[in-house]
C-alpha atoms as a PDB file:
ATOM      1  CA  MET A   1      79.100  89.690 114.919  1.00  0.00           C
ATOM      2  CA  PRO A   2      82.006  90.200 112.211  1.00  0.00           C
ATOM      3  CA  LYS A   3      80.740  89.193 108.822  1.00  0.00           C
ATOM      4  CA  SER A   4      82.140  86.395 107.286  1.00  0.00           C
ATOM      5  CA  ILE A   5      83.955  86.873 103.689  1.00  0.00           C
ATOM      6  CA  GLU A   6      80.718  85.243 102.417  1.00  0.00           C
ATOM      7  CA  GLU A   7      78.782  87.943 103.914  1.00  0.00           C
ATOM      8  CA  ILE A   8      80.971  90.693 101.866  1.00  0.00           C
ATOM      9  CA  GLY A   9      81.183  89.084  98.638  1.00  0.00           C
ATOM     10  CA  LEU A  10      84.933  88.423  98.741  1.00  0.00           C
ATOM     11  CA  PRO A  11      85.677  85.773  96.331  1.00  0.00           C
ATOM     12  CA  PRO A  12      87.918  83.105  97.269  1.00  0.00           C
ATOM     13  CA  LEU A  13      91.893  84.519  97.474  1.00  0.00           C
ATOM     14  CA  THR A  14      94.489  83.743  94.770  1.00  0.00           C
ATOM     15  CA  LEU A  15      98.173  82.750  96.641  1.00  0.00           C
ATOM     16  CA  ASP A  16      99.035  85.771  93.993  1.00  0.00           C
ATOM     17  CA  GLN A  17      96.366  88.039  96.026  1.00  0.00           C
ATOM     18  CA  ILE A  18      97.598  87.284  99.386  1.00  0.00           C
ATOM     19  CA  GLN A  19     101.011  87.745  98.410  1.00  0.00           C
ATOM     20  CA  SER A  20     100.110  90.578  96.835  1.00  0.00           C
ATOM     21  CA  LEU A  21      98.114  92.039 100.439  1.00  0.00           C
ATOM     22  CA  CYS A  22     101.010  91.101 102.380  1.00  0.00           C
ATOM     23  CA  GLU A  23     103.489  93.331 100.249  1.00  0.00           C
ATOM     24  CA  ILE A  24     100.651  95.982 100.734  1.00  0.00           C
ATOM     25  CA  GLY A  25     100.390  96.172 104.666  1.00  0.00           C
ATOM     26  CA  GLU A  26     104.441  96.123 104.732  1.00  0.00           C
ATOM     27  CA  THR A  27     105.319  98.446 102.421  1.00  0.00           C
ATOM     28  CA  ALA A  28     102.222 100.847 104.360  1.00  0.00           C
ATOM     29  CA  ALA A  29     103.860 100.149 107.295  1.00  0.00           C
ATOM     30  CA  ARG A  30     107.418 100.933 106.522  1.00  0.00           C
ATOM     31  CA  LYS A  31     105.976 103.760 104.725  1.00  0.00           C
ATOM     32  CA  HIS A  32     105.350 105.385 107.969  1.00  0.00           C
ATOM     33  CA  ILE A  33     108.186 104.477 110.273  1.00  0.00           C
ATOM     34  CA  PHE A  34     110.113 106.361 107.231  1.00  0.00           C
ATOM     35  CA  SER A  35     108.221 109.284 107.507  1.00  0.00           C
ATOM     36  CA  LYS A  36     108.585 109.320 111.326  1.00  0.00           C
ATOM     37  CA  VAL A  37     111.823 108.056 111.818  1.00  0.00           C
ATOM     38  CA  LYS A  38     115.639 107.869 109.735  1.00  0.00           C
ATOM     39  CA  ARG A  39     116.273 104.796 108.245  1.00  0.00           C
ATOM     40  CA  LYS A  40     119.589 105.141 109.980  1.00  0.00           C
ATOM     41  CA  ARG A  41     118.668 105.285 113.335  1.00  0.00           C
ATOM     42  CA  ILE A  42     116.284 101.883 113.081  1.00  0.00           C
ATOM     43  CA  SER A  43     117.994  99.268 114.391  1.00  0.00           C
ATOM     44  CA  ASP A  44     115.984  96.673 113.667  1.00  0.00           C
ATOM     45  CA  LEU A  45     112.271  96.676 111.443  1.00  0.00           C
ATOM     46  CA  ASN A  46     110.282  93.351 110.963  1.00  0.00           C
ATOM     47  CA  VAL A  47     107.374  93.369 109.887  1.00  0.00           C
ATOM     48  CA  THR A  48     104.648  90.111 109.335  1.00  0.00           C
ATOM     49  CA  ILE A  49     101.334  89.585 108.367  1.00  0.00           C
ATOM     50  CA  ASP A  50      99.639  86.911 108.590  1.00  0.00           C
ATOM     51  CA  ILE A  51      96.856  86.137 106.730  1.00  0.00           C
ATOM     52  CA  ARG A  52      94.462  83.442 107.290  1.00  0.00           C
ATOM     53  CA  ARG A  53      91.168  81.977 105.556  1.00  0.00           C
ATOM     54  CA  GLY A  54      88.557  79.851 107.156  1.00  0.00           C
ATOM     55  CA  ARG A  55      84.434  80.687 107.382  1.00  0.00           C
ATOM     56  CA  THR A  56      86.594  84.043 108.240  1.00  0.00           C
ATOM     57  CA  LEU A  57      89.427  86.053 106.715  1.00  0.00           C
ATOM     58  CA  VAL A  58      91.847  86.333 109.556  1.00  0.00           C
ATOM     59  CA  VAL A  59      94.717  89.224 109.224  1.00  0.00           C
ATOM     60  CA  ASP A  60      97.544  89.633 111.682  1.00  0.00           C
ATOM     61  CA  VAL A  61     100.227  92.721 111.174  1.00  0.00           C
ATOM     62  CA  GLU A  62     102.783  92.604 113.610  1.00  0.00           C
ATOM     63  CA  VAL A  63     105.813  95.139 113.577  1.00  0.00           C
ATOM     64  CA  GLN A  64     108.844  94.898 115.501  1.00  0.00           C
ATOM     65  CA  LEU A  65     110.784  98.177 115.695  1.00  0.00           C
ATOM     66  CA  ASP A  66     114.062  98.841 117.601  1.00  0.00           C
ATOM     67  CA  LEU A  67     115.508 102.438 117.531  1.00  0.00           C
ATOM     68  CA  SER A  68     118.736 104.028 117.768  1.00  0.00           C
ATOM     69  CA  PRO A  69     118.912 105.349 121.491  1.00  0.00           C
ATOM     70  CA  LEU A  70     119.120 109.378 119.890  1.00  0.00           C
ATOM     71  CA  VAL A  71     115.767 108.847 118.332  1.00  0.00           C
ATOM     72  CA  ASP A  72     113.560 110.429 121.348  1.00  0.00           C
ATOM     73  CA  ILE A  73     110.106 108.394 119.575  1.00  0.00           C
ATOM     74  CA  ASP A  74     108.593 105.244 121.929  1.00  0.00           C
ATOM     75  CA  ALA A  75     109.106 102.913 119.512  1.00  0.00           C
ATOM     76  CA  GLU A  76     106.250 100.775 120.437  1.00  0.00           C
ATOM     77  CA  ILE A  77     103.833 103.367 119.874  1.00  0.00           C
ATOM     78  CA  LEU A  78     105.445 103.733 116.092  1.00  0.00           C
ATOM     79  CA  ALA A  79     104.800 100.152 115.474  1.00  0.00           C
ATOM     80  CA  GLU A  80     101.516 100.319 116.835  1.00  0.00           C
ATOM     81  CA  GLU A  81     100.290 102.832 114.717  1.00  0.00           C
ATOM     82  CA  ALA A  82     102.650 101.023 111.772  1.00  0.00           C
ATOM     83  CA  ALA A  83     100.614  97.841 112.054  1.00  0.00           C
ATOM     84  CA  LYS A  84      97.236  99.497 112.367  1.00  0.00           C
ATOM     85  CA  ILE A  85      98.096 102.146 109.703  1.00  0.00           C
ATOM     86  CA  ALA A  86      99.124  98.374 107.643  1.00  0.00           C
ATOM     87  CA  LEU A  87      96.116  96.495 108.625  1.00  0.00           C
ATOM     88  CA  GLY A  88      94.446  99.434 107.335  1.00  0.00           C
ATOM     89  CA  ALA A  89      95.723  99.413 104.069  1.00  0.00           C
ATOM     90  CA  VAL A  90      95.113  95.608 103.391  1.00  0.00           C
ATOM     91  CA  GLU A  91      91.830  96.023 104.485  1.00  0.00           C
ATOM     92  CA  GLU A  92      91.256  98.986 102.160  1.00  0.00           C
ATOM     93  CA  LYS A  93      92.575  96.725  99.247  1.00  0.00           C
ATOM     94  CA  LEU A  94      90.361  93.647 100.506  1.00  0.00           C
ATOM     95  CA  ARG A  95      87.465  95.855 100.222  1.00  0.00           C
ATOM     96  CA  GLU A  96      88.721  96.344  96.450  1.00  0.00           C
ATOM     97  CA  ILE A  97      88.745  92.785  95.231  1.00  0.00           C
ATOM     98  CA  ALA A  98      85.463  92.315  96.635  1.00  0.00           C
ATOM     99  CA  CYS A  99      83.946  94.919  94.830  1.00  0.00           C
ATOM    100  CA  GLU A 100      85.360  94.001  92.029  1.00  0.00           C
ATOM    101  CA  SER A 101      84.413  90.481  92.322  1.00  0.00           C
ATOM    102  CA  ARG A 102      80.520  91.918  92.745  1.00  0.00           C
ATOM    103  CA  LYS A 103      80.902  93.830  89.093  1.00  0.00           C
ATOM    104  CA  ASN A 104      82.160  90.589  87.481  1.00  0.00           C
ATOM    105  CA  THR A 105      79.408  88.379  89.039  1.00  0.00           C
ATOM    106  CA  LYS A 106      77.084  91.215  87.856  1.00  0.00           C
ATOM    107  CA  VAL A 107      78.375  90.761  84.254  1.00  0.00           C
ATOM    108  CA  SER A 108      78.246  87.078  84.106  1.00  0.00           C
END
């Protein structure tokens, strides 16, 4: 069973933190794609990150990618890789936020 936000010590997220998390994920996804394919060979790229908080925090990452027919790379596989990397970057930042929250709680 997944741990809830409270169990891992994640404080309530501000809108700025949520926006930052989305930017971190999008940057990671784009960086991965651009490391594999030149920008001019990308017909369309859309990275969507949705963060919802209830009892647990839900992060959905979707990467839509269309490549030039001149590129010999499977766009779907590359998009899936980029989504996983984006999710990993968001998770890493969430762990940093939780860690900082625990430090601040101990100091108070």
